[in-house]
Amino acid sequence: MTRTNDKALAAFMTRKAEIDTMLARLQSLSDEHFEASPDDIHWGHVGDLADISKNLREICDRAFQEGEYAE
């Protein structure tokens, strides 16, 4: 007997694997201080991190039903 959601489950697991890969890459980049040398940090780096932080906050709010996604 074939489950009716086999295709959806396979697609879900594919997306989950993609997210896991992205999270691992982000963690690695963060561990390396986003490849920025302390002596070379400038406001452009701060702006980049602010943008990344904003996007991650949006993702977390959606995933955890917080912020504008709170019920």
C-alpha atoms as a PDB file:
ATOM      1  CA  MET A   1       0.000   0.000   0.000  1.00  0.00           C
ATOM      2  CA  THR A   2       1.359   3.414  -0.984  1.00  0.00           C
ATOM      3  CA  ARG A   3       0.803   6.317   1.335  1.00  0.00           C
ATOM      4  CA  THR A   4      -0.919   9.254  -0.300  1.00  0.00           C
ATOM      5  CA  ASN A   5       1.659  11.712   1.004  1.00  0.00           C
ATOM      6  CA  ASP A   6       4.829   9.943  -0.178  1.00  0.00           C
ATOM      7  CA  LYS A   7       5.662  12.693  -2.676  1.00  0.00           C
ATOM      8  CA  ALA A   8       4.982  15.437  -0.144  1.00  0.00           C
ATOM      9  CA  LEU A   9       7.098  13.643   2.455  1.00  0.00           C
ATOM     10  CA  ALA A  10       9.981  13.245  -0.002  1.00  0.00           C
ATOM     11  CA  ALA A  11       9.782  16.938  -0.938  1.00  0.00           C
ATOM     12  CA  PHE A  12       9.640  17.893   2.744  1.00  0.00           C
ATOM     13  CA  MET A  13      12.741  15.843   3.537  1.00  0.00           C
ATOM     14  CA  THR A  14      14.571  17.378   0.563  1.00  0.00           C
ATOM     15  CA  ARG A  15      13.773  20.899   1.805  1.00  0.00           C
ATOM     16  CA  LYS A  16      14.763  19.948   5.357  1.00  0.00           C
ATOM     17  CA  ALA A  17      18.125  18.685   4.105  1.00  0.00           C
ATOM     18  CA  GLU A  18      18.629  21.954   2.209  1.00  0.00           C
ATOM     19  CA  ILE A  19      17.886  23.945   5.366  1.00  0.00           C
ATOM     20  CA  ASP A  20      20.215  21.752   7.445  1.00  0.00           C
ATOM     21  CA  THR A  21      23.009  22.376   4.928  1.00  0.00           C
ATOM     22  CA  MET A  22      22.423  26.131   4.952  1.00  0.00           C
ATOM     23  CA  LEU A  23      22.359  26.222   8.758  1.00  0.00           C
ATOM     24  CA  ALA A  24      25.625  24.288   8.959  1.00  0.00           C
ATOM     25  CA  ARG A  25      27.258  26.672   6.468  1.00  0.00           C
ATOM     26  CA  LEU A  26      26.018  29.713   8.391  1.00  0.00           C
ATOM     27  CA  GLN A  27      27.271  28.274  11.680  1.00  0.00           C
ATOM     28  CA  SER A  28      30.673  27.598  10.158  1.00  0.00           C
ATOM     29  CA  LEU A  29      30.849  31.119   8.744  1.00  0.00           C
ATOM     30  CA  SER A  30      29.814  32.575  12.104  1.00  0.00           C
ATOM     31  CA  ASP A  31      32.458  30.479  13.872  1.00  0.00           C
ATOM     32  CA  GLU A  32      34.990  32.167  11.577  1.00  0.00           C
ATOM     33  CA  HIS A  33      33.566  35.637  12.373  1.00  0.00           C
ATOM     34  CA  PHE A  34      32.108  35.828   8.881  1.00  0.00           C
ATOM     35  CA  GLU A  35      35.673  35.759   7.535  1.00  0.00           C
ATOM     36  CA  ALA A  36      36.275  39.297   8.778  1.00  0.00           C
ATOM     37  CA  SER A  37      39.519  40.273  10.454  1.00  0.00           C
ATOM     38  CA  PRO A  38      38.991  42.442  13.559  1.00  0.00           C
ATOM     39  CA  ASP A  39      41.421  45.003  12.141  1.00  0.00           C
ATOM     40  CA  ASP A  40      39.440  45.256   8.901  1.00  0.00           C
ATOM     41  CA  ILE A  41      35.902  45.597  10.318  1.00  0.00           C
ATOM     42  CA  HIS A  42      33.992  48.593   8.968  1.00  0.00           C
ATOM     43  CA  TRP A  43      30.380  49.762   8.942  1.00  0.00           C
ATOM     44  CA  GLY A  44      29.707  47.814   5.758  1.00  0.00           C
ATOM     45  CA  HIS A  45      30.325  44.601   7.698  1.00  0.00           C
ATOM     46  CA  VAL A  46      27.941  45.799  10.408  1.00  0.00           C
ATOM     47  CA  GLY A  47      25.287  46.547   7.793  1.00  0.00           C
ATOM     48  CA  ASP A  48      25.716  43.136   6.205  1.00  0.00           C
ATOM     49  CA  LEU A  49      25.305  41.409   9.570  1.00  0.00           C
ATOM     50  CA  ALA A  50      22.294  43.586  10.400  1.00  0.00           C
ATOM     51  CA  ASP A  51      20.648  42.491   7.153  1.00  0.00           C
ATOM     52  CA  ILE A  52      21.453  38.831   7.792  1.00  0.00           C
ATOM     53  CA  SER A  53      20.158  39.169  11.362  1.00  0.00           C
ATOM     54  CA  LYS A  54      16.922  40.758  10.129  1.00  0.00           C
ATOM     55  CA  ASN A  55      16.372  37.928   7.651  1.00  0.00           C
ATOM     56  CA  LEU A  56      17.116  35.269  10.265  1.00  0.00           C
ATOM     57  CA  ARG A  57      14.745  36.975  12.729  1.00  0.00           C
ATOM     58  CA  GLU A  58      11.999  36.835  10.090  1.00  0.00           C
ATOM     59  CA  ILE A  59      12.706  33.133   9.539  1.00  0.00           C
ATOM     60  CA  CYS A  60      12.740  32.384  13.280  1.00  0.00           C
ATOM     61  CA  ASP A  61       9.553  34.367  13.869  1.00  0.00           C
ATOM     62  CA  ARG A  62       7.847  32.351  11.153  1.00  0.00           C
ATOM     63  CA  ALA A  63       9.221  28.998  12.327  1.00  0.00           C
ATOM     64  CA  PHE A  64       8.359  29.613  15.993  1.00  0.00           C
ATOM     65  CA  GLN A  65       5.173  31.615  15.351  1.00  0.00           C
ATOM     66  CA  GLU A  66       6.556  34.694  17.060  1.00  0.00           C
ATOM     67  CA  GLY A  67       6.526  38.389  16.175  1.00  0.00           C
ATOM     68  CA  GLU A  68       4.097  39.133  13.351  1.00  0.00           C
ATOM     69  CA  TYR A  69       3.436  35.400  13.002  1.00  0.00           C
ATOM     70  CA  ALA A  70       2.263  34.989  16.611  1.00  0.00           C
ATOM     71  CA  GLU A  71      -1.251  33.697  16.892  1.00  0.00           C
END
